[in-house]
Amino acid sequence: MAKRDVWVRVGDELVRGDAVVGISVSDPPYGWESLKILLKVTGHREVLWIDSGVRVDGEGEGREQVNALADAFVDTLARGAAMPSGALVRLGGPPDGPTQWVLSPLG
């Protein structure tokens, strides 16, 4: 199976999926901040981050949800690479639904 171009929307930037070398979840210093998905990307000195929109709660449920999003990112990149025309990956979802990775075909 040939590897296709996969692009990832990170804020105002688009980065190639094969340039992502690591992913983690932030530990926000304040309870009112949302958890961030941190991407280590080749060619970028600082980590790039995506705001998950999920707030920290005292029970750890928010953290579990964002950890699951980080895990799903890897699967989404692999599915995008398997698409015949390549893909664009971004964090989104329906207005009233859960946040999830959205995979859009290129071309």
N, C-alpha and C. Protein backbone atom coordinates (compact mmCIF):
# COMPACT_ATOMS: atom_id res chain seq x y z
N MET A 1 0.84 -1.17 0.00
CA MET A 1 0.00 0.00 0.00
C MET A 1 0.89 1.24 0.00
N ALA A 2 0.66 2.14 -0.90
CA ALA A 2 1.45 3.36 -1.01
C ALA A 2 1.03 4.36 0.07
N LYS A 3 2.00 5.08 0.57
CA LYS A 3 1.73 6.11 1.56
C LYS A 3 1.32 7.39 0.84
N ARG A 4 0.23 7.98 1.22
CA ARG A 4 -0.28 9.20 0.59
C ARG A 4 0.00 10.40 1.48
N ASP A 5 -0.09 11.59 0.88
CA ASP A 5 0.07 12.82 1.65
C ASP A 5 -1.07 12.97 2.64
N VAL A 6 -0.71 13.23 3.88
CA VAL A 6 -1.70 13.54 4.90
C VAL A 6 -1.26 14.85 5.54
N TRP A 7 -2.17 15.79 5.60
CA TRP A 7 -1.91 17.10 6.19
C TRP A 7 -2.73 17.23 7.45
N VAL A 8 -2.17 17.93 8.44
CA VAL A 8 -2.84 18.11 9.72
C VAL A 8 -3.01 19.60 9.97
N ARG A 9 -4.24 20.02 10.27
CA ARG A 9 -4.51 21.42 10.61
C ARG A 9 -4.15 21.62 12.08
N VAL A 10 -3.19 22.53 12.33
CA VAL A 10 -2.77 22.86 13.69
C VAL A 10 -2.87 24.38 13.81
N GLY A 11 -3.96 24.86 14.37
CA GLY A 11 -4.18 26.30 14.45
C GLY A 11 -4.25 26.91 13.06
N ASP A 12 -3.36 27.84 12.77
CA ASP A 12 -3.32 28.50 11.46
C ASP A 12 -2.40 27.79 10.49
N GLU A 13 -1.77 26.71 10.91
CA GLU A 13 -0.79 26.02 10.07
C GLU A 13 -1.32 24.69 9.57
N LEU A 14 -0.76 24.26 8.46
CA LEU A 14 -0.93 22.89 7.97
C LEU A 14 0.44 22.24 8.02
N VAL A 15 0.53 21.09 8.65
CA VAL A 15 1.79 20.36 8.71
C VAL A 15 1.58 18.97 8.10
N ARG A 16 2.63 18.45 7.52
CA ARG A 16 2.56 17.10 6.95
C ARG A 16 2.46 16.08 8.08
N GLY A 17 1.61 15.11 7.88
CA GLY A 17 1.42 14.07 8.89
C GLY A 17 2.68 13.29 9.17
N ASP A 18 3.53 13.09 8.13
CA ASP A 18 4.75 12.32 8.37
C ASP A 18 5.82 13.13 9.10
N ALA A 19 5.58 14.43 9.33
CA ALA A 19 6.51 15.26 10.10
C ALA A 19 6.19 15.23 11.59
N VAL A 20 5.02 14.68 11.96
CA VAL A 20 4.64 14.57 13.37
C VAL A 20 5.41 13.40 13.97
N VAL A 21 6.25 13.70 14.96
CA VAL A 21 7.08 12.65 15.56
C VAL A 21 6.68 12.32 17.00
N GLY A 22 5.72 13.06 17.54
CA GLY A 22 5.28 12.78 18.89
C GLY A 22 3.99 13.50 19.22
N ILE A 23 3.22 12.93 20.14
CA ILE A 23 1.97 13.54 20.57
C ILE A 23 1.81 13.32 22.07
N SER A 24 1.34 14.34 22.76
CA SER A 24 1.09 14.22 24.19
C SER A 24 -0.05 15.16 24.55
N VAL A 25 -0.43 15.15 25.82
CA VAL A 25 -1.52 15.99 26.32
C VAL A 25 -0.95 16.88 27.40
N SER A 26 -1.35 18.16 27.38
CA SER A 26 -0.82 19.15 28.33
C SER A 26 -1.36 18.92 29.74
N ASP A 27 -0.66 19.50 30.69
CA ASP A 27 -1.14 19.61 32.07
C ASP A 27 -1.35 21.09 32.33
N PRO A 28 -2.58 21.59 32.15
CA PRO A 28 -2.80 23.02 32.31
C PRO A 28 -2.58 23.47 33.75
N PRO A 29 -1.95 24.64 33.91
CA PRO A 29 -1.66 25.11 35.27
C PRO A 29 -2.89 25.62 36.03
N TYR A 30 -3.96 25.92 35.32
CA TYR A 30 -5.15 26.47 35.95
C TYR A 30 -6.36 25.60 35.60
N GLY A 31 -7.28 25.46 36.54
CA GLY A 31 -8.45 24.63 36.32
C GLY A 31 -9.38 25.12 35.24
N TRP A 32 -9.33 26.40 34.92
CA TRP A 32 -10.25 26.93 33.91
C TRP A 32 -9.74 26.74 32.49
N GLU A 33 -8.51 26.30 32.33
CA GLU A 33 -7.95 26.10 31.00
C GLU A 33 -8.36 24.74 30.44
N SER A 34 -8.45 24.68 29.14
CA SER A 34 -8.74 23.38 28.52
C SER A 34 -7.44 22.65 28.23
N LEU A 35 -7.55 21.34 28.12
CA LEU A 35 -6.39 20.51 27.82
C LEU A 35 -5.98 20.72 26.37
N LYS A 36 -4.69 20.70 26.12
CA LYS A 36 -4.16 20.88 24.77
C LYS A 36 -3.52 19.57 24.30
N ILE A 37 -3.66 19.30 23.02
CA ILE A 37 -2.97 18.18 22.39
C ILE A 37 -1.68 18.75 21.81
N LEU A 38 -0.55 18.26 22.28
CA LEU A 38 0.75 18.79 21.89
C LEU A 38 1.39 17.89 20.84
N LEU A 39 1.82 18.49 19.74
CA LEU A 39 2.46 17.75 18.66
C LEU A 39 3.90 18.20 18.51
N LYS A 40 4.81 17.25 18.56
CA LYS A 40 6.21 17.53 18.23
C LYS A 40 6.35 17.27 16.75
N VAL A 41 6.75 18.32 16.01
CA VAL A 41 6.80 18.26 14.56
C VAL A 41 8.21 18.56 14.08
N THR A 42 8.75 17.72 13.20
CA THR A 42 10.06 17.94 12.61
C THR A 42 10.08 19.32 11.95
N GLY A 43 11.14 20.07 12.20
CA GLY A 43 11.28 21.40 11.61
C GLY A 43 10.71 22.51 12.47
N HIS A 44 10.08 22.16 13.59
CA HIS A 44 9.54 23.16 14.51
C HIS A 44 10.25 23.01 15.85
N ARG A 45 10.82 24.10 16.31
CA ARG A 45 11.54 24.06 17.58
C ARG A 45 10.61 23.83 18.76
N GLU A 46 9.52 24.57 18.76
CA GLU A 46 8.53 24.47 19.85
C GLU A 46 7.45 23.46 19.45
N VAL A 47 6.81 22.88 20.47
CA VAL A 47 5.69 21.99 20.16
C VAL A 47 4.55 22.83 19.60
N LEU A 48 3.77 22.24 18.72
CA LEU A 48 2.55 22.86 18.22
C LEU A 48 1.40 22.29 19.03
N TRP A 49 0.36 23.09 19.24
CA TRP A 49 -0.72 22.58 20.06
C TRP A 49 -2.08 22.83 19.44
N ILE A 50 -2.99 21.93 19.77
CA ILE A 50 -4.38 22.01 19.34
C ILE A 50 -5.22 22.04 20.61
N ASP A 51 -6.06 23.05 20.73
CA ASP A 51 -6.94 23.17 21.90
C ASP A 51 -8.06 22.13 21.77
N SER A 52 -8.14 21.23 22.72
CA SER A 52 -9.16 20.18 22.67
C SER A 52 -10.55 20.70 23.03
N GLY A 53 -10.61 21.82 23.73
CA GLY A 53 -11.89 22.33 24.19
C GLY A 53 -12.43 21.60 25.41
N VAL A 54 -11.69 20.61 25.90
CA VAL A 54 -12.11 19.82 27.06
C VAL A 54 -11.42 20.37 28.30
N ARG A 55 -12.20 20.67 29.30
CA ARG A 55 -11.67 21.24 30.55
C ARG A 55 -11.27 20.13 31.52
N VAL A 56 -10.33 20.47 32.38
CA VAL A 56 -9.90 19.56 33.42
C VAL A 56 -11.01 19.48 34.46
N ASP A 57 -11.30 18.28 34.93
CA ASP A 57 -12.25 18.16 36.03
C ASP A 57 -11.58 17.36 37.14
N GLY A 58 -12.15 17.40 38.31
CA GLY A 58 -11.55 16.75 39.47
C GLY A 58 -11.56 15.23 39.40
N GLU A 59 -12.32 14.65 38.50
CA GLU A 59 -12.47 13.21 38.43
C GLU A 59 -11.55 12.56 37.41
N GLY A 60 -10.87 13.34 36.58
CA GLY A 60 -9.99 12.78 35.57
C GLY A 60 -10.69 12.41 34.27
N GLU A 61 -12.02 12.67 34.21
CA GLU A 61 -12.77 12.29 33.01
C GLU A 61 -12.32 13.11 31.79
N GLY A 62 -12.08 14.40 31.98
CA GLY A 62 -11.61 15.24 30.88
C GLY A 62 -10.28 14.77 30.35
N ARG A 63 -9.40 14.40 31.25
CA ARG A 63 -8.07 13.91 30.85
C ARG A 63 -8.20 12.62 30.05
N GLU A 64 -9.06 11.72 30.49
CA GLU A 64 -9.28 10.46 29.76
C GLU A 64 -9.81 10.72 28.36
N GLN A 65 -10.72 11.68 28.24
CA GLN A 65 -11.30 12.01 26.94
C GLN A 65 -10.23 12.53 25.99
N VAL A 66 -9.36 13.40 26.47
CA VAL A 66 -8.32 13.96 25.60
C VAL A 66 -7.23 12.92 25.32
N ASN A 67 -6.92 12.06 26.27
CA ASN A 67 -5.99 10.97 25.99
C ASN A 67 -6.53 10.08 24.88
N ALA A 68 -7.84 9.82 24.91
CA ALA A 68 -8.47 9.02 23.85
C ALA A 68 -8.38 9.75 22.50
N LEU A 69 -8.54 11.08 22.50
CA LEU A 69 -8.38 11.85 21.27
C LEU A 69 -6.95 11.74 20.73
N ALA A 70 -5.98 11.81 21.63
CA ALA A 70 -4.58 11.68 21.21
C ALA A 70 -4.33 10.31 20.60
N ASP A 71 -4.88 9.26 21.22
CA ASP A 71 -4.74 7.91 20.68
C ASP A 71 -5.41 7.80 19.31
N ALA A 72 -6.59 8.40 19.18
CA ALA A 72 -7.33 8.33 17.92
C ALA A 72 -6.61 9.09 16.80
N PHE A 73 -5.78 10.06 17.16
CA PHE A 73 -5.03 10.81 16.16
C PHE A 73 -4.13 9.88 15.34
N VAL A 74 -3.50 8.95 16.01
CA VAL A 74 -2.60 8.00 15.33
C VAL A 74 -3.38 7.16 14.33
N ASP A 75 -4.54 6.67 14.73
CA ASP A 75 -5.39 5.89 13.84
C ASP A 75 -5.87 6.73 12.66
N THR A 76 -6.22 7.97 12.93
CA THR A 76 -6.71 8.86 11.87
C THR A 76 -5.61 9.14 10.84
N LEU A 77 -4.37 9.34 11.30
CA LEU A 77 -3.25 9.52 10.36
C LEU A 77 -3.08 8.29 9.48
N ALA A 78 -3.16 7.12 10.06
CA ALA A 78 -3.00 5.88 9.29
C ALA A 78 -4.13 5.71 8.27
N ARG A 79 -5.36 6.02 8.67
CA ARG A 79 -6.48 5.93 7.73
C ARG A 79 -6.31 6.94 6.59
N GLY A 80 -5.83 8.14 6.91
CA GLY A 80 -5.61 9.15 5.88
C GLY A 80 -4.54 8.73 4.90
N ALA A 81 -3.48 8.09 5.39
CA ALA A 81 -2.40 7.62 4.52
C ALA A 81 -2.87 6.52 3.59
N ALA A 82 -3.91 5.80 3.99
CA ALA A 82 -4.43 4.71 3.15
C ALA A 82 -5.43 5.20 2.10
N MET A 83 -5.86 6.46 2.20
CA MET A 83 -6.82 6.98 1.22
C MET A 83 -6.11 7.23 -0.11
N PRO A 84 -6.74 6.92 -1.22
CA PRO A 84 -6.10 7.01 -2.54
C PRO A 84 -5.57 8.41 -2.89
N SER A 85 -6.26 9.45 -2.43
CA SER A 85 -5.85 10.80 -2.81
C SER A 85 -5.15 11.56 -1.68
N GLY A 86 -4.91 10.91 -0.53
CA GLY A 86 -4.38 11.61 0.62
C GLY A 86 -5.51 12.23 1.42
N ALA A 87 -5.17 12.97 2.48
CA ALA A 87 -6.22 13.48 3.35
C ALA A 87 -5.77 14.69 4.15
N LEU A 88 -6.77 15.38 4.67
CA LEU A 88 -6.58 16.47 5.62
C LEU A 88 -7.22 16.03 6.93
N VAL A 89 -6.49 16.22 8.03
CA VAL A 89 -6.98 15.85 9.36
C VAL A 89 -7.12 17.13 10.17
N ARG A 90 -8.27 17.27 10.82
CA ARG A 90 -8.47 18.42 11.71
C ARG A 90 -9.35 17.98 12.87
N LEU A 91 -9.24 18.71 13.97
CA LEU A 91 -10.07 18.42 15.12
C LEU A 91 -11.36 19.20 14.97
N GLY A 92 -12.48 18.54 15.08
CA GLY A 92 -13.78 19.20 14.91
C GLY A 92 -14.89 18.30 15.36
N GLY A 93 -15.96 18.31 14.61
CA GLY A 93 -17.11 17.48 14.93
C GLY A 93 -18.38 18.29 14.83
N PRO A 94 -19.50 17.63 15.02
CA PRO A 94 -20.79 18.33 14.93
C PRO A 94 -20.93 19.35 16.06
N PRO A 95 -21.69 20.43 15.83
CA PRO A 95 -21.83 21.49 16.84
C PRO A 95 -22.34 20.98 18.19
N ASP A 96 -23.23 20.02 18.18
CA ASP A 96 -23.79 19.52 19.44
C ASP A 96 -23.21 18.16 19.83
N GLY A 97 -22.19 17.72 19.10
CA GLY A 97 -21.64 16.39 19.37
C GLY A 97 -20.25 16.46 19.98
N PRO A 98 -19.66 15.31 20.17
CA PRO A 98 -18.33 15.26 20.77
C PRO A 98 -17.24 15.72 19.79
N THR A 99 -16.16 16.23 20.34
CA THR A 99 -15.01 16.60 19.53
C THR A 99 -14.37 15.32 19.02
N GLN A 100 -13.99 15.34 17.75
CA GLN A 100 -13.37 14.16 17.15
C GLN A 100 -12.48 14.60 15.99
N TRP A 101 -11.68 13.69 15.50
CA TRP A 101 -10.86 13.98 14.32
C TRP A 101 -11.71 13.84 13.07
N VAL A 102 -11.62 14.83 12.23
CA VAL A 102 -12.37 14.82 10.96
C VAL A 102 -11.35 14.55 9.86
N LEU A 103 -11.63 13.58 9.03
CA LEU A 103 -10.74 13.17 7.94
C LEU A 103 -11.41 13.53 6.62
N SER A 104 -10.77 14.41 5.85
CA SER A 104 -11.32 14.84 4.57
C SER A 104 -10.38 14.41 3.45
N PRO A 105 -10.90 13.79 2.40
CA PRO A 105 -10.03 13.38 1.29
C PRO A 105 -9.53 14.60 0.51
N LEU A 106 -8.34 14.48 -0.05
CA LEU A 106 -7.78 15.54 -0.89
C LEU A 106 -8.13 15.23 -2.35
N GLY A 107 -8.28 16.26 -3.12
CA GLY A 107 -8.48 16.10 -4.56
C GLY A 107 -9.82 15.82 -4.95
